[in-house]
Amino acid sequence: MKNVIHRAESRGHANHGWLKANHSFSFASWYNPERINFGAIRVLNDDTIAPGAGFPTHPHDNMEIITIPLSGVLEHKDSMGNVAQIKTGEVQVMSAGTGVTHSEYNGSQTEELKLFQIWLFPNKKNVTPRYDELKLNVEDRKNRFQQILSPSPDDEGVWIHQDAWMHMISMDPDTVNDYRLKNPSNGVYIMVIEGNVEIDGDQLKNRDAMGVIESDTINIKATSKSDLLLIEVPMQF
């Protein structure tokens, strides 16, 4: 088992007034040559968007884009004709493929919007753009790994054009869970959304992350009530 730890304070930061962003990997004006990607993960942004503010219409192509609201309401509109509000407890996915434009705004005039946006390199280029969203039962992640994304439209969660899986888990204090990789040659990037956990002897706290490779099972112990996001991706693609 090999791992790399990304402490919360080591991330890139940007404060645009209406947007406070934390970048786990190089993004926009923040560049770190040692933090370009983790396998197929290219972007993991931890954004706080002011009431009524957001990103005007902008383009993407050949990227799988996953958005997970942590609090608040996201308003989405795209060139495929989709108009949606995505809330806490839901997940949104967009395969940009041959090209798509979209806008993202805080749907509230009074409350902040907090979200993770994750970009994964696809395993197929120039696919027809597609959009999907799914309401999750958050009770299904209590002390167990709730699958929220996979490569298959017939599996649990949303799906993308990549051999990747995402899970979320809410762990009670002093509980232990083993995550078993779908493919042992993959790596897993674990983001501590809230709480304190121990992984392979290392202590992680709020917004710390760990990338793990060369392991088929990862042992996670919660030392306080903790919420985690796990992203399993190919390291070669």
C-alpha atoms as a PDB file:
ATOM      1  CA  MET A   1       0.000   0.000   0.000  1.00  0.00           C
ATOM      2  CA  LYS A   2       1.305   3.426  -0.991  1.00  0.00           C
ATOM      3  CA  ASN A   3      -0.373   6.695  -0.150  1.00  0.00           C
ATOM      4  CA  VAL A   4      -0.113  10.434  -0.506  1.00  0.00           C
ATOM      5  CA  ILE A   5      -1.735  12.855   1.924  1.00  0.00           C
ATOM      6  CA  HIS A   6      -3.119  16.209   0.862  1.00  0.00           C
ATOM      7  CA  ARG A   7      -3.821  18.305   3.951  1.00  0.00           C
ATOM      8  CA  ALA A   8      -6.721  20.733   3.714  1.00  0.00           C
ATOM      9  CA  GLU A   9      -4.425  23.725   4.129  1.00  0.00           C
ATOM     10  CA  SER A  10      -2.163  22.561   1.273  1.00  0.00           C
ATOM     11  CA  ARG A  11      -4.872  23.047  -1.338  1.00  0.00           C
ATOM     12  CA  GLY A  12      -4.978  25.975  -3.695  1.00  0.00           C
ATOM     13  CA  HIS A  13      -7.203  28.840  -2.568  1.00  0.00           C
ATOM     14  CA  ALA A  14      -9.053  31.553  -4.436  1.00  0.00           C
ATOM     15  CA  ASN A  15     -11.343  34.240  -3.022  1.00  0.00           C
ATOM     16  CA  HIS A  16     -13.308  36.094  -5.666  1.00  0.00           C
ATOM     17  CA  GLY A  17     -15.772  37.587  -3.203  1.00  0.00           C
ATOM     18  CA  TRP A  18     -18.782  35.766  -4.619  1.00  0.00           C
ATOM     19  CA  LEU A  19     -16.769  32.529  -4.827  1.00  0.00           C
ATOM     20  CA  LYS A  20     -14.443  30.964  -2.290  1.00  0.00           C
ATOM     21  CA  ALA A  21     -12.711  27.981  -3.855  1.00  0.00           C
ATOM     22  CA  ASN A  22     -10.318  25.305  -2.642  1.00  0.00           C
ATOM     23  CA  HIS A  23      -8.510  23.249  -5.281  1.00  0.00           C
ATOM     24  CA  SER A  24      -7.183  19.773  -4.504  1.00  0.00           C
ATOM     25  CA  PHE A  25      -5.500  19.774  -7.931  1.00  0.00           C
ATOM     26  CA  SER A  26      -4.056  22.509 -10.130  1.00  0.00           C
ATOM     27  CA  PHE A  27      -6.863  24.704 -11.407  1.00  0.00           C
ATOM     28  CA  ALA A  28      -7.252  28.184 -12.904  1.00  0.00           C
ATOM     29  CA  SER A  29      -4.549  30.463 -11.449  1.00  0.00           C
ATOM     30  CA  TRP A  30      -3.286  27.876  -8.935  1.00  0.00           C
ATOM     31  CA  TYR A  31      -0.615  25.595 -10.332  1.00  0.00           C
ATOM     32  CA  ASN A  32       1.332  22.924  -8.502  1.00  0.00           C
ATOM     33  CA  PRO A  33       3.307  20.550 -10.753  1.00  0.00           C
ATOM     34  CA  GLU A  34       2.993  17.802  -8.139  1.00  0.00           C
ATOM     35  CA  ARG A  35      -0.781  18.218  -7.932  1.00  0.00           C
ATOM     36  CA  ILE A  36      -2.021  17.917 -11.508  1.00  0.00           C
ATOM     37  CA  ASN A  37      -4.176  14.822 -11.089  1.00  0.00           C
ATOM     38  CA  PHE A  38      -4.634  11.564  -9.213  1.00  0.00           C
ATOM     39  CA  GLY A  39      -5.093   8.942 -11.898  1.00  0.00           C
ATOM     40  CA  ALA A  40      -8.224   9.859 -13.848  1.00  0.00           C
ATOM     41  CA  ILE A  41      -9.173  12.613 -11.363  1.00  0.00           C
ATOM     42  CA  ARG A  42      -8.291  15.981 -12.861  1.00  0.00           C
ATOM     43  CA  VAL A  43     -10.260  18.374 -10.625  1.00  0.00           C
ATOM     44  CA  LEU A  44     -11.737  18.296  -7.139  1.00  0.00           C
ATOM     45  CA  ASN A  45     -12.957  21.777  -6.249  1.00  0.00           C
ATOM     46  CA  ASP A  46     -14.513  22.613  -2.899  1.00  0.00           C
ATOM     47  CA  ASP A  47     -16.578  25.728  -3.644  1.00  0.00           C
ATOM     48  CA  THR A  48     -18.652  28.150  -1.582  1.00  0.00           C
ATOM     49  CA  ILE A  49     -20.861  30.382  -3.730  1.00  0.00           C
ATOM     50  CA  ALA A  50     -22.564  33.507  -2.406  1.00  0.00           C
ATOM     51  CA  PRO A  51     -26.371  33.890  -2.582  1.00  0.00           C
ATOM     52  CA  GLY A  52     -27.580  34.586  -6.105  1.00  0.00           C
ATOM     53  CA  ALA A  53     -24.078  34.343  -7.587  1.00  0.00           C
ATOM     54  CA  GLY A  54     -22.565  31.767  -9.887  1.00  0.00           C
ATOM     55  CA  PHE A  55     -20.767  30.795 -13.062  1.00  0.00           C
ATOM     56  CA  PRO A  56     -22.200  32.244 -16.298  1.00  0.00           C
ATOM     57  CA  THR A  57     -22.470  30.084 -19.406  1.00  0.00           C
ATOM     58  CA  HIS A  58     -19.141  28.450 -20.259  1.00  0.00           C
ATOM     59  CA  PRO A  59     -17.977  25.477 -22.372  1.00  0.00           C
ATOM     60  CA  HIS A  60     -16.589  22.015 -21.628  1.00  0.00           C
ATOM     61  CA  ASP A  61     -15.597  19.048 -23.761  1.00  0.00           C
ATOM     62  CA  ASN A  62     -14.253  15.533 -23.243  1.00  0.00           C
ATOM     63  CA  MET A  63     -14.601  15.548 -19.477  1.00  0.00           C
ATOM     64  CA  GLU A  64     -16.884  13.764 -17.008  1.00  0.00           C
ATOM     65  CA  ILE A  65     -18.172  16.402 -14.567  1.00  0.00           C
ATOM     66  CA  ILE A  66     -19.751  15.386 -11.266  1.00  0.00           C
ATOM     67  CA  THR A  67     -21.299  17.869  -8.842  1.00  0.00           C
ATOM     68  CA  ILE A  68     -22.245  17.052  -5.244  1.00  0.00           C
ATOM     69  CA  PRO A  69     -24.029  19.830  -3.303  1.00  0.00           C
ATOM     70  CA  LEU A  70     -23.093  19.791   0.385  1.00  0.00           C
ATOM     71  CA  SER A  71     -25.552  22.507   1.408  1.00  0.00           C
ATOM     72  CA  GLY A  72     -27.861  24.809  -0.482  1.00  0.00           C
ATOM     73  CA  VAL A  73     -29.374  24.666  -3.969  1.00  0.00           C
ATOM     74  CA  LEU A  74     -27.559  24.611  -7.317  1.00  0.00           C
ATOM     75  CA  GLU A  75     -29.343  25.986 -10.382  1.00  0.00           C
ATOM     76  CA  HIS A  76     -28.149  24.381 -13.624  1.00  0.00           C
ATOM     77  CA  LYS A  77     -28.897  25.205 -17.253  1.00  0.00           C
ATOM     78  CA  ASP A  78     -27.161  23.736 -20.300  1.00  0.00           C
ATOM     79  CA  SER A  79     -27.104  23.662 -24.087  1.00  0.00           C
ATOM     80  CA  MET A  80     -28.773  20.231 -24.094  1.00  0.00           C
ATOM     81  CA  GLY A  81     -31.934  21.875 -22.800  1.00  0.00           C
ATOM     82  CA  ASN A  82     -31.645  20.757 -19.196  1.00  0.00           C
ATOM     83  CA  VAL A  83     -32.810  23.140 -16.477  1.00  0.00           C
ATOM     84  CA  ALA A  84     -32.577  21.794 -12.935  1.00  0.00           C
ATOM     85  CA  GLN A  85     -32.172  22.523  -9.260  1.00  0.00           C
ATOM     86  CA  ILE A  86     -29.798  20.148  -7.474  1.00  0.00           C
ATOM     87  CA  LYS A  87     -29.919  20.009  -3.684  1.00  0.00           C
ATOM     88  CA  THR A  88     -28.093  18.425  -0.783  1.00  0.00           C
ATOM     89  CA  GLY A  89     -28.508  14.657  -0.957  1.00  0.00           C
ATOM     90  CA  GLU A  90     -28.434  14.633  -4.754  1.00  0.00           C
ATOM     91  CA  VAL A  91     -25.697  14.097  -7.336  1.00  0.00           C
ATOM     92  CA  GLN A  92     -25.403  15.525 -10.840  1.00  0.00           C
ATOM     93  CA  VAL A  93     -23.311  14.243 -13.744  1.00  0.00           C
ATOM     94  CA  MET A  94     -22.557  15.652 -17.161  1.00  0.00           C
ATOM     95  CA  SER A  95     -20.552  13.952 -19.904  1.00  0.00           C
ATOM     96  CA  ALA A  96     -19.224  16.876 -21.909  1.00  0.00           C
ATOM     97  CA  GLY A  97     -18.074  14.756 -24.850  1.00  0.00           C
ATOM     98  CA  THR A  98     -18.091  16.623 -28.162  1.00  0.00           C
ATOM     99  CA  GLY A  99     -18.924  19.856 -26.368  1.00  0.00           C
ATOM    100  CA  VAL A 100     -21.513  21.448 -24.116  1.00  0.00           C
ATOM    101  CA  THR A 101     -22.108  24.803 -22.470  1.00  0.00           C
ATOM    102  CA  HIS A 102     -23.733  25.332 -19.099  1.00  0.00           C
ATOM    103  CA  SER A 103     -24.275  27.805 -16.293  1.00  0.00           C
ATOM    104  CA  GLU A 104     -24.276  27.149 -12.548  1.00  0.00           C
ATOM    105  CA  TYR A 105     -25.763  29.477  -9.960  1.00  0.00           C
ATOM    106  CA  ASN A 106     -26.683  29.533  -6.309  1.00  0.00           C
ATOM    107  CA  GLY A 107     -30.451  29.090  -6.388  1.00  0.00           C
ATOM    108  CA  SER A 108     -30.924  30.923  -3.091  1.00  0.00           C
ATOM    109  CA  GLN A 109     -30.871  34.677  -2.530  1.00  0.00           C
ATOM    110  CA  THR A 110     -30.146  34.258   1.179  1.00  0.00           C
ATOM    111  CA  GLU A 111     -28.089  31.086   1.769  1.00  0.00           C
ATOM    112  CA  GLU A 112     -24.603  30.100   0.633  1.00  0.00           C
ATOM    113  CA  LEU A 113     -24.183  27.140  -1.712  1.00  0.00           C
ATOM    114  CA  LYS A 114     -21.415  24.676  -0.881  1.00  0.00           C
ATOM    115  CA  LEU A 115     -20.456  21.908  -3.273  1.00  0.00           C
ATOM    116  CA  PHE A 116     -17.797  19.580  -4.592  1.00  0.00           C
ATOM    117  CA  GLN A 117     -17.197  19.598  -8.326  1.00  0.00           C
ATOM    118  CA  ILE A 118     -15.116  16.749  -9.671  1.00  0.00           C
ATOM    119  CA  TRP A 119     -13.752  16.305 -13.180  1.00  0.00           C
ATOM    120  CA  LEU A 120     -12.639  12.891 -14.400  1.00  0.00           C
ATOM    121  CA  PHE A 121     -10.885  12.145 -17.672  1.00  0.00           C
ATOM    122  CA  PRO A 122     -13.173   9.924 -19.791  1.00  0.00           C
ATOM    123  CA  ASN A 123     -12.219   6.593 -21.327  1.00  0.00           C
ATOM    124  CA  LYS A 124     -13.978   7.554 -24.585  1.00  0.00           C
ATOM    125  CA  LYS A 125     -13.549  10.844 -26.404  1.00  0.00           C
ATOM    126  CA  ASN A 126     -16.097  12.794 -28.413  1.00  0.00           C
ATOM    127  CA  VAL A 127     -19.140  10.987 -27.073  1.00  0.00           C
ATOM    128  CA  THR A 128     -22.577  12.554 -27.394  1.00  0.00           C
ATOM    129  CA  PRO A 129     -23.031  14.926 -24.444  1.00  0.00           C
ATOM    130  CA  ARG A 130     -25.374  13.684 -21.732  1.00  0.00           C
ATOM    131  CA  TYR A 131     -26.819  14.847 -18.423  1.00  0.00           C
ATOM    132  CA  ASP A 132     -28.214  13.009 -15.413  1.00  0.00           C
ATOM    133  CA  GLU A 133     -29.109  13.657 -11.802  1.00  0.00           C
ATOM    134  CA  LEU A 134     -30.167  11.418  -8.941  1.00  0.00           C
ATOM    135  CA  LYS A 135     -31.700  11.896  -5.513  1.00  0.00           C
ATOM    136  CA  LEU A 136     -29.890   9.740  -2.965  1.00  0.00           C
ATOM    137  CA  ASN A 137     -31.195   8.179   0.229  1.00  0.00           C
ATOM    138  CA  VAL A 138     -28.640   9.510   2.708  1.00  0.00           C
ATOM    139  CA  GLU A 139     -29.681   6.866   5.252  1.00  0.00           C
ATOM    140  CA  ASP A 140     -28.131   4.277   2.959  1.00  0.00           C
ATOM    141  CA  ARG A 141     -24.651   5.623   3.760  1.00  0.00           C
ATOM    142  CA  LYS A 142     -24.867   5.261   7.534  1.00  0.00           C
ATOM    143  CA  ASN A 143     -21.838   3.148   8.469  1.00  0.00           C
ATOM    144  CA  ARG A 144     -21.763   1.660   4.976  1.00  0.00           C
ATOM    145  CA  PHE A 145     -20.440   2.674   1.570  1.00  0.00           C
ATOM    146  CA  GLN A 146     -23.227   4.095  -0.580  1.00  0.00           C
ATOM    147  CA  GLN A 147     -22.340   3.855  -4.248  1.00  0.00           C
ATOM    148  CA  ILE A 148     -23.237   7.105  -6.010  1.00  0.00           C
ATOM    149  CA  LEU A 149     -21.427   6.585  -9.347  1.00  0.00           C
ATOM    150  CA  SER A 150     -20.160   3.729 -11.496  1.00  0.00           C
ATOM    151  CA  PRO A 151     -19.279   2.891 -15.113  1.00  0.00           C
ATOM    152  CA  SER A 152     -22.615   1.123 -15.685  1.00  0.00           C
ATOM    153  CA  PRO A 153     -26.087   2.622 -16.232  1.00  0.00           C
ATOM    154  CA  ASP A 154     -27.502  -0.583 -14.734  1.00  0.00           C
ATOM    155  CA  ASP A 155     -25.633  -0.180 -11.448  1.00  0.00           C
ATOM    156  CA  GLU A 156     -26.369   1.970  -8.389  1.00  0.00           C
ATOM    157  CA  GLY A 157     -25.955   5.725  -8.724  1.00  0.00           C
ATOM    158  CA  VAL A 158     -25.250   7.766 -11.833  1.00  0.00           C
ATOM    159  CA  TRP A 159     -22.813   6.556 -14.492  1.00  0.00           C
ATOM    160  CA  ILE A 160     -19.957   7.984 -16.541  1.00  0.00           C
ATOM    161  CA  HIS A 161     -17.613   7.082 -19.390  1.00  0.00           C
ATOM    162  CA  GLN A 162     -14.809   5.881 -17.138  1.00  0.00           C
ATOM    163  CA  ASP A 163     -14.045   2.763 -15.065  1.00  0.00           C
ATOM    164  CA  ALA A 164     -14.563   4.735 -11.876  1.00  0.00           C
ATOM    165  CA  TRP A 165     -16.703   4.442  -8.774  1.00  0.00           C
ATOM    166  CA  MET A 166     -17.696   6.923  -6.108  1.00  0.00           C
ATOM    167  CA  HIS A 167     -19.005   6.145  -2.650  1.00  0.00           C
ATOM    168  CA  MET A 168     -20.090   8.217   0.326  1.00  0.00           C
ATOM    169  CA  ILE A 169     -20.217   7.067   3.934  1.00  0.00           C
ATOM    170  CA  SER A 170     -21.308   8.562   7.256  1.00  0.00           C
ATOM    171  CA  MET A 171     -19.458   6.851  10.082  1.00  0.00           C
ATOM    172  CA  ASP A 172     -20.313   6.899  13.759  1.00  0.00           C
ATOM    173  CA  PRO A 173     -17.477   7.422  16.242  1.00  0.00           C
ATOM    174  CA  ASP A 174     -15.288   4.355  16.862  1.00  0.00           C
ATOM    175  CA  THR A 175     -16.631   2.436  13.868  1.00  0.00           C
ATOM    176  CA  VAL A 176     -14.438   0.668  11.327  1.00  0.00           C
ATOM    177  CA  ASN A 177     -15.142  -0.057   7.660  1.00  0.00           C
ATOM    178  CA  ASP A 178     -13.086  -1.775   4.972  1.00  0.00           C
ATOM    179  CA  TYR A 179     -13.380  -0.421   1.444  1.00  0.00           C
ATOM    180  CA  ARG A 180     -12.665  -3.135  -1.128  1.00  0.00           C
ATOM    181  CA  LEU A 181     -11.582  -1.888  -4.518  1.00  0.00           C
ATOM    182  CA  LYS A 182     -13.588  -2.905  -7.566  1.00  0.00           C
ATOM    183  CA  ASN A 183     -10.266  -3.228  -9.410  1.00  0.00           C
ATOM    184  CA  PRO A 184      -7.061  -3.676  -7.346  1.00  0.00           C
ATOM    185  CA  SER A 185      -5.024  -1.883 -10.024  1.00  0.00           C
ATOM    186  CA  ASN A 186      -7.059   1.283  -9.391  1.00  0.00           C
ATOM    187  CA  GLY A 187      -6.321   3.963  -6.849  1.00  0.00           C
ATOM    188  CA  VAL A 188      -8.701   5.543  -4.340  1.00  0.00           C
ATOM    189  CA  TYR A 189      -8.832   9.208  -3.389  1.00  0.00           C
ATOM    190  CA  ILE A 190     -10.510   9.682  -0.004  1.00  0.00           C
ATOM    191  CA  MET A 191     -11.785  13.120   1.009  1.00  0.00           C
ATOM    192  CA  VAL A 192     -12.805  13.686   4.627  1.00  0.00           C
ATOM    193  CA  ILE A 193     -15.826  15.954   4.267  1.00  0.00           C
ATOM    194  CA  GLU A 194     -16.214  16.292   8.020  1.00  0.00           C
ATOM    195  CA  GLY A 195     -14.808  14.523  11.042  1.00  0.00           C
ATOM    196  CA  ASN A 196     -11.669  12.643  11.984  1.00  0.00           C
ATOM    197  CA  VAL A 197     -10.514   9.282  10.674  1.00  0.00           C
ATOM    198  CA  GLU A 198      -7.490   7.019  10.773  1.00  0.00           C
ATOM    199  CA  ILE A 199      -6.311   5.312   7.586  1.00  0.00           C
ATOM    200  CA  ASP A 200      -3.235   3.095   7.614  1.00  0.00           C
ATOM    201  CA  GLY A 201      -2.052   4.771  10.796  1.00  0.00           C
ATOM    202  CA  ASP A 202      -2.450   8.310   9.462  1.00  0.00           C
ATOM    203  CA  GLN A 203      -4.838  10.776  11.074  1.00  0.00           C
ATOM    204  CA  LEU A 204      -7.018  12.848   8.769  1.00  0.00           C
ATOM    205  CA  LYS A 205      -9.382  15.691   9.677  1.00  0.00           C
ATOM    206  CA  ASN A 206     -11.929  17.954   7.933  1.00  0.00           C
ATOM    207  CA  ARG A 207     -11.112  18.329   4.226  1.00  0.00           C
ATOM    208  CA  ASP A 208      -7.874  16.361   4.446  1.00  0.00           C
ATOM    209  CA  ALA A 209      -7.528  13.813   1.655  1.00  0.00           C
ATOM    210  CA  MET A 210      -5.494  10.695   1.004  1.00  0.00           C
ATOM    211  CA  GLY A 211      -4.708   8.959  -2.267  1.00  0.00           C
ATOM    212  CA  VAL A 212      -4.074   5.227  -1.954  1.00  0.00           C
ATOM    213  CA  ILE A 213      -2.571   2.890  -4.552  1.00  0.00           C
ATOM    214  CA  GLU A 214      -1.312  -0.703  -4.600  1.00  0.00           C
ATOM    215  CA  SER A 215      -3.950  -1.975  -2.200  1.00  0.00           C
ATOM    216  CA  ASP A 216      -7.093  -4.037  -2.661  1.00  0.00           C
ATOM    217  CA  THR A 217      -8.608  -3.079   0.723  1.00  0.00           C
ATOM    218  CA  ILE A 218      -8.492   0.139   2.717  1.00  0.00           C
ATOM    219  CA  ASN A 219      -9.229   0.128   6.432  1.00  0.00           C
ATOM    220  CA  ILE A 220     -10.931   3.270   7.738  1.00  0.00           C
ATOM    221  CA  LYS A 221     -11.552   3.970  11.416  1.00  0.00           C
ATOM    222  CA  ALA A 222     -13.646   6.947  12.493  1.00  0.00           C
ATOM    223  CA  THR A 223     -12.413   8.648  15.662  1.00  0.00           C
ATOM    224  CA  SER A 224     -15.395  11.032  15.588  1.00  0.00           C
ATOM    225  CA  LYS A 225     -18.605  11.272  13.605  1.00  0.00           C
ATOM    226  CA  SER A 226     -17.293  11.483  10.043  1.00  0.00           C
ATOM    227  CA  ASP A 227     -18.503  11.890   6.467  1.00  0.00           C
ATOM    228  CA  LEU A 228     -16.274  10.743   3.611  1.00  0.00           C
ATOM    229  CA  LEU A 229     -16.209  10.710  -0.177  1.00  0.00           C
ATOM    230  CA  LEU A 230     -14.237   7.924  -1.888  1.00  0.00           C
ATOM    231  CA  ILE A 231     -13.312   8.123  -5.572  1.00  0.00           C
ATOM    232  CA  GLU A 232     -11.888   4.957  -7.144  1.00  0.00           C
ATOM    233  CA  VAL A 233     -10.233   5.567 -10.507  1.00  0.00           C
ATOM    234  CA  PRO A 234      -7.799   3.973 -12.949  1.00  0.00           C
ATOM    235  CA  MET A 235      -4.259   5.205 -12.427  1.00  0.00           C
ATOM    236  CA  GLN A 236      -3.408   4.494 -16.075  1.00  0.00           C
ATOM    237  CA  PHE A 237      -5.970   5.495 -18.684  1.00  0.00           C
END
